[in-house]
């Protein structure tokens, strides 16, 4: 069991707590896609995810592959996410 999950933050999270819940679902969705793809080290690379006014910002410990970036784009674009492809990646 992996216990060092990323920090999850959001702009206006105190007045809009549903943003944190949405990010938790998006993280789970992306982690499940990585697991299905056989990418066992995916969750070790993610440092933080942040919702900044509808843009998902993913902070990485190590440079992500294009496939790993796509996991978050797909999750954010889904019905559990924001429904958009507004995703940025920071190392």
Protein backbone atom coordinates (compact mmCIF):
# COMPACT_ATOMS: atom_id res chain seq x y z
CA UNK A 1 0.00 0.00 0.00
CA UNK A 2 1.38 3.41 -1.00
CA UNK A 3 0.90 6.03 1.71
CA UNK A 4 2.68 9.11 0.35
CA UNK A 5 -0.09 10.46 -1.88
CA UNK A 6 0.16 13.97 -3.38
CA UNK A 7 -1.00 17.11 -1.69
CA UNK A 8 -4.42 18.14 -3.00
CA UNK A 9 -5.26 21.86 -2.99
CA UNK A 10 -7.67 24.22 -4.70
CA UNK A 11 -8.25 27.93 -5.03
CA UNK A 12 -11.22 28.89 -2.83
CA UNK A 13 -11.29 25.43 -1.22
CA UNK A 14 -12.60 26.87 2.05
CA UNK A 15 -15.68 28.35 0.41
CA UNK A 16 -16.01 25.61 -2.23
CA UNK A 17 -15.01 22.32 -0.51
CA UNK A 18 -16.38 20.30 -3.43
CA UNK A 19 -13.24 21.25 -5.37
CA UNK A 20 -11.11 19.03 -3.10
CA UNK A 21 -13.54 16.15 -3.47
CA UNK A 22 -13.40 16.52 -7.27
CA UNK A 23 -9.60 16.49 -7.21
CA UNK A 24 -9.60 13.35 -5.08
CA UNK A 25 -11.79 11.63 -7.68
CA UNK A 26 -9.57 12.86 -10.53
CA UNK A 27 -6.45 11.57 -8.78
CA UNK A 28 -8.09 8.19 -8.28
CA UNK A 29 -9.16 8.08 -11.93
CA UNK A 30 -5.64 8.90 -13.17
CA UNK A 31 -4.05 6.41 -10.76
CA UNK A 32 -6.44 3.69 -11.95
CA UNK A 33 -5.55 4.38 -15.59
CA UNK A 34 -1.85 4.16 -14.73
CA UNK A 35 -2.47 0.89 -12.93
CA UNK A 36 -4.33 -0.52 -15.94
CA UNK A 37 -1.42 0.53 -18.16
CA UNK A 38 1.02 -1.31 -15.89
CA UNK A 39 2.68 1.93 -14.76
CA UNK A 40 3.59 1.01 -11.18
CA UNK A 41 5.68 4.15 -10.51
CA UNK A 42 3.10 6.74 -11.59
CA UNK A 43 1.86 7.65 -8.10
CA UNK A 44 5.40 8.02 -6.81
CA UNK A 45 6.02 10.80 -9.36
CA UNK A 46 3.04 13.04 -8.50
CA UNK A 47 3.82 15.66 -5.84
CA UNK A 48 0.68 17.82 -5.84
CA UNK A 49 -2.49 18.49 -7.78
CA UNK A 50 -4.16 21.88 -7.63
CA UNK A 51 -7.40 23.25 -9.06
CA UNK A 52 -6.85 26.88 -9.99
CA UNK A 53 -10.20 28.26 -11.13
CA UNK A 54 -10.94 25.30 -13.40
CA UNK A 55 -7.38 24.59 -14.51
CA UNK A 56 -5.78 21.45 -13.13
CA UNK A 57 -2.12 21.95 -12.29
CA UNK A 58 -0.12 18.78 -11.69
CA UNK A 59 3.22 19.12 -9.92
CA UNK A 60 5.66 16.27 -10.49
CA UNK A 61 8.74 15.09 -8.62
CA UNK A 62 10.10 13.60 -11.85
CA UNK A 63 9.34 14.48 -15.46
CA UNK A 64 6.17 12.71 -16.60
CA UNK A 65 5.83 10.82 -19.86
CA UNK A 66 3.23 11.93 -22.40
CA UNK A 67 1.12 8.95 -21.36
CA UNK A 68 1.26 10.02 -17.70
CA UNK A 69 0.24 13.56 -18.64
CA UNK A 70 -2.65 12.14 -20.64
CA UNK A 71 -3.94 10.21 -17.61
CA UNK A 72 -4.67 13.54 -15.91
CA UNK A 73 -6.04 15.18 -19.06
CA UNK A 74 -8.48 12.31 -19.53
CA UNK A 75 -9.48 12.28 -15.86
CA UNK A 76 -10.00 16.08 -15.77
CA UNK A 77 -12.06 15.97 -18.96
CA UNK A 78 -14.31 13.23 -17.60
CA UNK A 79 -17.57 13.65 -15.72
CA UNK A 80 -15.76 13.18 -12.39
CA UNK A 81 -13.48 16.10 -13.28
CA UNK A 82 -14.06 19.56 -14.66
CA UNK A 83 -15.16 18.44 -18.12
CA UNK A 84 -12.34 20.40 -19.77
CA UNK A 85 -8.82 19.69 -20.95
CA UNK A 86 -7.30 22.64 -19.08
CA UNK A 87 -4.35 20.83 -17.52
CA UNK A 88 -0.86 22.18 -16.87
CA UNK A 89 2.19 20.26 -15.70
CA UNK A 90 5.00 21.58 -13.53
CA UNK A 91 8.21 19.79 -12.54
